[in-house]
Amino acid sequence: MIGLDQLLGFGLAALILIVIPGPSVVFVVGRAVSYGQRVALASVLGNTVGVLVVMVLVCLGLGAVVAESQLVFTGIKLAGAAFLVWLGVQALRHRREMRMGADEERAPVSPGRALRQGVMVGVSNPKTFMMFAALLPPFVDRSGEGASVPAQMLLLGCFAVAIGLLCDSAWAVAAGRARDWFVASERRGRALGAIGGTSMIGLGVGMALTGHGDR
């Protein structure tokens, strides 16, 4: 079993890292301002699934490979960066297609598609690998008196994923509600779509330029 002190210490450390706006937050906010709250929440769910996959892989030992291999890290980083840039370009292309008004909106991305895209972003974010690889080991009890090390890492990792889901959902709801003011005006709506797309492109470029030592 994982002790309460162990769980609280890890939860606090994970919360500090998660609440600071990073790739996941910028991605979710960009989706909210471009396509609305429903698509943003679907993106959050998909991103959470992707993060969960990464966490399991880290617990199975892939985290050490990513942390030590420049080639693996760079490959994952560039793939994730390219995908984010592509999403941003799509948001810019379709910003004029949104029907603005209190009773009617049309987004060019369905929640199902947003869910799948969110999974891709979650899986391809190399900082997720690095975060779990760096954060989990210090909170594992290696004395052998409790659960096995992999089991502890999985439990702690699931706790971090749950915290991330709650925080990202809060960002999605807040950004989605702020979007309502913009969509009341067609001009403001187009501008907001441009902001959302540009933010995702900027995030992708920033991710591509991030060095191996960054966290």
Protein backbone atom coordinates (compact mmCIF):
# COMPACT_ATOMS: atom_id res chain seq x y z
CA MET A 1 0.00 0.00 0.00
CA ILE A 2 0.99 3.62 -0.54
CA GLY A 3 1.21 5.67 2.65
CA LEU A 4 -0.80 8.84 3.14
CA ASP A 5 2.32 10.98 3.51
CA GLN A 6 3.71 9.46 0.34
CA LEU A 7 0.49 10.17 -1.57
CA LEU A 8 0.11 13.73 -0.28
CA GLY A 9 3.73 14.59 -1.02
CA PHE A 10 3.50 13.28 -4.55
CA GLY A 11 0.10 14.92 -5.11
CA LEU A 12 1.43 18.32 -4.06
CA ALA A 13 4.47 18.00 -6.33
CA ALA A 14 2.31 16.88 -9.25
CA LEU A 15 -0.22 19.67 -8.68
CA ILE A 16 2.52 22.32 -8.75
CA LEU A 17 3.76 21.01 -12.09
CA ILE A 18 0.31 20.55 -13.59
CA VAL A 19 -1.28 23.89 -12.69
CA ILE A 20 1.57 25.83 -14.30
CA PRO A 21 0.41 26.47 -17.90
CA GLY A 22 2.29 24.18 -20.24
CA PRO A 23 1.66 22.33 -23.52
CA SER A 24 -1.54 20.64 -22.34
CA VAL A 25 -3.03 23.87 -20.98
CA VAL A 26 -2.15 25.91 -24.07
CA PHE A 27 -3.57 23.15 -26.28
CA VAL A 28 -6.85 23.02 -24.35
CA VAL A 29 -7.27 26.81 -24.21
CA GLY A 30 -6.50 27.04 -27.92
CA ARG A 31 -9.19 24.47 -28.68
CA ALA A 32 -11.70 26.25 -26.46
CA VAL A 33 -11.24 29.65 -28.07
CA SER A 34 -11.20 28.18 -31.57
CA TYR A 35 -14.05 25.65 -31.38
CA GLY A 36 -15.86 26.04 -28.07
CA GLN A 37 -16.19 24.33 -24.71
CA ARG A 38 -17.55 21.00 -25.98
CA VAL A 39 -14.62 20.41 -28.32
CA ALA A 40 -12.19 21.60 -25.65
CA LEU A 41 -13.54 19.11 -23.10
CA ALA A 42 -13.34 16.31 -25.67
CA SER A 43 -9.73 17.37 -26.30
CA VAL A 44 -9.08 17.24 -22.54
CA LEU A 45 -10.45 13.70 -22.36
CA GLY A 46 -8.36 12.60 -25.33
CA ASN A 47 -5.24 14.28 -23.98
CA THR A 48 -5.82 12.53 -20.64
CA VAL A 49 -6.01 9.16 -22.37
CA GLY A 50 -2.74 9.94 -24.15
CA VAL A 51 -1.09 10.99 -20.88
CA LEU A 52 -2.34 7.79 -19.24
CA VAL A 53 -0.69 5.74 -22.01
CA VAL A 54 2.56 7.64 -21.50
CA MET A 55 2.41 7.11 -17.76
CA VAL A 56 1.99 3.35 -18.18
CA LEU A 57 4.90 3.23 -20.62
CA VAL A 58 7.08 5.18 -18.20
CA CYS A 59 6.19 2.76 -15.42
CA LEU A 60 7.18 -0.11 -17.70
CA GLY A 61 10.61 1.40 -18.25
CA LEU A 62 10.29 3.56 -21.35
CA GLY A 63 10.78 6.74 -19.33
CA ALA A 64 14.44 5.88 -18.73
CA VAL A 65 14.98 5.36 -22.47
CA VAL A 66 13.43 8.72 -23.33
CA ALA A 67 15.42 10.46 -20.61
CA GLU A 68 18.72 9.02 -21.82
CA SER A 69 18.28 8.86 -25.60
CA GLN A 70 18.56 12.13 -27.49
CA LEU A 71 17.32 10.42 -30.67
CA VAL A 72 14.13 9.06 -29.08
CA PHE A 73 13.41 12.32 -27.28
CA THR A 74 13.94 14.40 -30.43
CA GLY A 75 11.77 12.10 -32.54
CA ILE A 76 8.84 12.28 -30.13
CA LYS A 77 9.31 16.01 -29.65
CA LEU A 78 9.31 16.84 -33.36
CA ALA A 79 6.33 14.58 -34.07
CA GLY A 80 4.30 16.28 -31.35
CA ALA A 81 5.41 19.74 -32.47
CA ALA A 82 4.44 19.06 -36.09
CA PHE A 83 1.02 17.79 -35.05
CA LEU A 84 0.33 20.89 -32.94
CA VAL A 85 1.37 23.19 -35.79
CA TRP A 86 -0.96 21.28 -38.14
CA LEU A 87 -3.86 21.67 -35.68
CA GLY A 88 -3.14 25.39 -35.44
CA VAL A 89 -3.10 25.77 -39.22
CA GLN A 90 -6.45 23.98 -39.43
CA ALA A 91 -7.92 26.30 -36.81
CA LEU A 92 -6.74 29.33 -38.80
CA ARG A 93 -8.12 27.94 -42.05
CA HIS A 94 -11.56 27.27 -40.58
CA ARG A 95 -11.93 30.35 -38.38
CA ARG A 96 -14.35 31.92 -40.89
CA GLU A 97 -16.58 28.85 -40.95
CA MET A 98 -17.91 29.28 -37.43
CA ARG A 99 -21.50 30.57 -37.31
CA MET A 100 -21.61 33.23 -34.66
CA GLY A 101 -24.69 33.88 -32.54
CA ALA A 102 -26.28 33.08 -29.23
CA ASP A 103 -28.42 30.21 -30.54
CA GLU A 104 -26.35 28.72 -33.31
CA GLU A 105 -22.70 27.73 -33.67
CA ARG A 106 -20.94 25.39 -36.00
CA ALA A 107 -17.45 24.12 -35.32
CA PRO A 108 -15.42 22.39 -38.03
CA VAL A 109 -14.14 19.79 -35.53
CA SER A 110 -16.46 17.16 -34.05
CA PRO A 111 -16.01 16.05 -30.41
CA GLY A 112 -15.03 12.56 -31.63
CA ARG A 113 -12.32 13.95 -33.84
CA ALA A 114 -11.19 16.29 -31.05
CA LEU A 115 -10.95 13.27 -28.76
CA ARG A 116 -8.66 11.44 -31.19
CA GLN A 117 -6.54 14.53 -31.75
CA GLY A 118 -6.23 15.01 -28.01
CA VAL A 119 -4.90 11.46 -27.65
CA MET A 120 -2.25 12.22 -30.27
CA VAL A 121 -1.17 15.38 -28.45
CA GLY A 122 -1.02 13.61 -25.10
CA VAL A 123 1.04 10.70 -26.42
CA SER A 124 3.43 12.86 -28.46
CA ASN A 125 4.30 15.40 -25.75
CA PRO A 126 7.85 14.46 -24.66
CA LYS A 127 7.64 16.55 -21.50
CA THR A 128 5.00 14.13 -20.24
CA PHE A 129 7.55 11.33 -20.44
CA MET A 130 10.14 13.46 -18.70
CA MET A 131 7.74 14.60 -15.97
CA PHE A 132 6.72 11.10 -14.99
CA ALA A 133 10.28 9.78 -15.30
CA ALA A 134 11.54 12.52 -12.99
CA LEU A 135 8.59 12.77 -10.60
CA LEU A 136 7.66 9.17 -9.83
CA PRO A 137 10.93 7.57 -8.58
CA PRO A 138 11.50 9.90 -5.58
CA PHE A 139 8.12 8.98 -4.12
CA VAL A 140 8.48 5.20 -4.47
CA ASP A 141 9.12 3.09 -1.38
CA ARG A 142 11.89 0.64 -2.26
CA SER A 143 12.03 -1.04 1.15
CA GLY A 144 10.01 -4.00 -0.12
CA GLU A 145 7.56 -3.81 2.77
CA GLY A 146 4.66 -2.49 0.70
CA ALA A 147 3.50 -2.81 -2.89
CA SER A 148 5.98 -3.50 -5.65
CA VAL A 149 7.76 -0.57 -7.25
CA PRO A 150 5.85 -0.82 -10.59
CA ALA A 151 2.53 -1.01 -8.71
CA GLN A 152 3.40 2.06 -6.67
CA MET A 153 4.40 3.97 -9.78
CA LEU A 154 1.16 3.03 -11.51
CA LEU A 155 -0.97 4.13 -8.55
CA LEU A 156 0.88 7.42 -8.14
CA GLY A 157 0.79 7.99 -11.89
CA CYS A 158 -2.98 7.48 -12.00
CA PHE A 159 -3.31 10.02 -9.19
CA ALA A 160 -1.34 12.56 -11.22
CA VAL A 161 -3.43 11.84 -14.33
CA ALA A 162 -6.62 12.47 -12.34
CA ILE A 163 -5.26 15.80 -11.09
CA GLY A 164 -4.37 16.75 -14.65
CA LEU A 165 -7.86 15.85 -15.89
CA LEU A 166 -9.50 18.10 -13.29
CA CYS A 167 -7.14 21.02 -13.91
CA ASP A 168 -7.37 20.84 -17.71
CA SER A 169 -11.16 20.55 -17.54
CA ALA A 170 -11.25 23.71 -15.43
CA TRP A 171 -9.14 25.51 -18.05
CA ALA A 172 -11.46 24.28 -20.81
CA VAL A 173 -14.60 25.46 -19.03
CA ALA A 174 -13.11 28.86 -18.17
CA ALA A 175 -11.81 29.45 -21.70
CA GLY A 176 -15.07 28.19 -23.20
CA ARG A 177 -17.13 30.62 -21.14
CA ALA A 178 -14.85 33.52 -22.02
CA ARG A 179 -15.32 32.57 -25.66
CA ASP A 180 -19.06 33.32 -25.48
CA TRP A 181 -18.33 37.03 -25.31
CA PHE A 182 -16.27 36.81 -28.48
CA VAL A 183 -18.73 34.75 -30.52
CA ALA A 184 -21.45 37.35 -29.97
CA SER A 185 -19.64 39.32 -32.67
CA GLU A 186 -18.59 37.76 -35.97
CA ARG A 187 -15.50 39.92 -36.10
CA ARG A 188 -14.47 39.04 -32.56
CA GLY A 189 -15.20 35.38 -33.28
CA ARG A 190 -12.85 35.33 -36.27
CA ALA A 191 -10.20 37.09 -34.23
CA LEU A 192 -10.60 34.54 -31.43
CA GLY A 193 -10.28 31.67 -33.87
CA ALA A 194 -7.07 33.24 -35.14
CA ILE A 195 -5.75 33.57 -31.58
CA GLY A 196 -6.50 29.93 -30.84
CA GLY A 197 -4.83 28.71 -34.02
CA THR A 198 -1.81 30.97 -33.54
CA SER A 199 -1.36 29.80 -29.95
CA MET A 200 -1.23 26.16 -31.06
CA ILE A 201 1.26 26.99 -33.82
CA GLY A 202 3.40 28.91 -31.34
CA LEU A 203 3.23 26.01 -28.91
CA GLY A 204 4.34 23.58 -31.62
CA VAL A 205 7.26 25.78 -32.65
CA GLY A 206 8.26 26.25 -29.02
CA MET A 207 8.15 22.51 -28.42
CA ALA A 208 10.35 21.90 -31.48
CA LEU A 209 12.95 24.37 -30.15
CA THR A 210 12.98 22.94 -26.64
CA GLY A 211 16.26 21.32 -25.72
CA HIS A 212 16.79 17.86 -24.17
CA GLY A 213 17.50 19.33 -20.75
CA ASP A 214 14.33 21.40 -20.48
CA ARG A 215 11.49 20.31 -18.22
